[in-house]
Amino acid sequence: MPAIPPHDTSTVERPWDGPAAVAAAPNEERVLRYMHAWRDPDADPDMKTAYALPHHGPRVGSPAVLPAVRNALARLSQSRIPRADWDAVRRHLESHLADADGGDE
């Protein structure tokens, strides 16, 4: 599935520099999959260009950065993600907002 399934994580409210976070990430599927909300199923999973909508720092276990989550939600309709994947990607991102609110969303 191109949309990466939701996962519960801690969240932080801090400034976000998406390009810097992606640049700092290794070309490693495990980390890239954790950082992003979507992966191109036809691309090499160890390449950063296979992914879209980063919202975690460049390591497995890093919290979801709430400004990045909100930015990703706002950019979803302008992204290269196929329309058929939008609902699943939105669920992933909104799950982090629910994590921040204690799971009530």
Protein backbone atom coordinates (compact mmCIF):
# COMPACT_ATOMS: atom_id res chain seq x y z
CA MET A 1 0.00 0.00 0.00
CA PRO A 2 1.50 3.39 -0.96
CA ALA A 3 -0.02 5.20 2.03
CA ILE A 4 2.02 4.32 5.07
CA PRO A 5 -0.29 2.99 7.80
CA PRO A 6 -0.83 5.18 10.87
CA HIS A 7 1.42 4.57 13.84
CA ASP A 8 1.09 6.00 17.35
CA THR A 9 3.99 8.18 18.37
CA SER A 10 4.80 11.01 20.67
CA THR A 11 4.38 14.48 19.21
CA VAL A 12 6.21 17.80 19.55
CA GLU A 13 5.34 21.37 18.75
CA ARG A 14 8.55 22.86 17.37
CA PRO A 15 9.82 24.51 14.20
CA TRP A 16 10.13 22.17 11.22
CA ASP A 17 12.63 22.18 8.39
CA GLY A 18 11.48 19.36 6.13
CA PRO A 19 14.25 19.62 3.54
CA ALA A 20 16.89 19.50 6.29
CA ALA A 21 15.24 16.50 7.95
CA VAL A 22 15.08 14.58 4.68
CA ALA A 23 18.68 15.54 3.82
CA ALA A 24 19.83 14.20 7.20
CA ALA A 25 18.05 10.88 6.71
CA PRO A 26 19.90 7.85 5.41
CA ASN A 27 18.79 6.20 2.17
CA GLU A 28 17.27 3.39 4.20
CA GLU A 29 13.70 2.17 3.85
CA ARG A 30 13.13 1.64 7.57
CA VAL A 31 13.92 5.27 8.42
CA LEU A 32 12.32 6.84 5.35
CA ARG A 33 9.10 4.88 5.82
CA TYR A 34 8.93 6.02 9.44
CA MET A 35 9.44 9.69 8.51
CA HIS A 36 6.83 9.98 5.75
CA ALA A 37 3.12 9.43 5.09
CA TRP A 38 3.38 8.02 1.55
CA ARG A 39 5.71 5.96 -0.65
CA ASP A 40 5.67 5.54 -4.42
CA PRO A 41 5.13 1.79 -4.88
CA ASP A 42 7.08 1.81 -8.16
CA ALA A 43 10.19 3.50 -6.75
CA ASP A 44 13.21 2.11 -4.90
CA PRO A 45 12.18 2.10 -1.20
CA ASP A 46 15.75 3.00 -0.17
CA MET A 47 15.64 6.30 -2.09
CA LYS A 48 14.36 9.52 -0.55
CA THR A 49 12.63 10.48 -3.79
CA ALA A 50 10.24 7.54 -3.31
CA TYR A 51 8.56 9.27 -0.36
CA ALA A 52 6.31 12.25 0.27
CA LEU A 53 5.05 14.32 3.18
CA PRO A 54 7.77 14.00 5.81
CA HIS A 55 6.70 14.80 9.38
CA HIS A 56 9.17 12.98 11.65
CA GLY A 57 12.85 13.58 12.25
CA PRO A 58 15.41 11.36 10.48
CA ARG A 59 15.42 8.41 12.86
CA VAL A 60 12.99 5.67 13.80
CA GLY A 61 11.27 6.64 17.03
CA SER A 62 11.43 10.40 16.58
CA PRO A 63 8.21 12.21 17.46
CA ALA A 64 5.79 13.55 14.89
CA VAL A 65 6.44 17.28 14.50
CA LEU A 66 3.01 18.90 14.62
CA PRO A 67 3.75 21.87 12.32
CA ALA A 68 5.00 19.31 9.76
CA VAL A 69 1.84 17.24 10.16
CA ARG A 70 -0.38 20.29 9.65
CA ASN A 71 1.73 21.39 6.67
CA ALA A 72 1.48 17.93 5.10
CA LEU A 73 -2.30 17.95 5.49
CA ALA A 74 -2.48 21.38 3.87
CA ARG A 75 -0.24 20.28 0.97
CA LEU A 76 -1.87 16.93 0.30
CA SER A 77 -4.05 18.14 -2.57
CA GLN A 78 -1.04 19.78 -4.27
CA SER A 79 1.23 16.75 -3.81
CA ARG A 80 2.18 14.11 -6.38
CA ILE A 81 0.26 11.53 -4.36
CA PRO A 82 -2.51 9.86 -6.39
CA ARG A 83 -6.00 10.95 -5.39
CA ALA A 84 -6.89 7.34 -4.59
CA ASP A 85 -4.34 7.41 -1.73
CA TRP A 86 -5.41 10.71 -0.16
CA ASP A 87 -7.84 9.29 2.41
CA ALA A 88 -5.31 6.81 3.77
CA VAL A 89 -2.58 9.45 3.89
CA ARG A 90 -4.96 11.85 5.64
CA ARG A 91 -5.77 9.15 8.23
CA HIS A 92 -2.06 8.67 8.89
CA LEU A 93 -1.47 12.37 9.43
CA GLU A 94 -4.64 12.94 11.44
CA SER A 95 -3.67 10.07 13.75
CA HIS A 96 -0.70 12.17 14.86
CA LEU A 97 -3.01 15.09 15.65
CA ALA A 98 -5.08 12.66 17.71
CA ASP A 99 -1.89 11.50 19.47
CA ALA A 100 -1.20 15.13 20.39
CA ASP A 101 -4.74 15.54 21.75
CA GLY A 102 -4.57 12.37 23.79
CA GLY A 103 -6.36 10.25 21.20
CA ASP A 104 -9.70 12.05 21.33
CA GLU A 105 -9.85 13.01 17.64
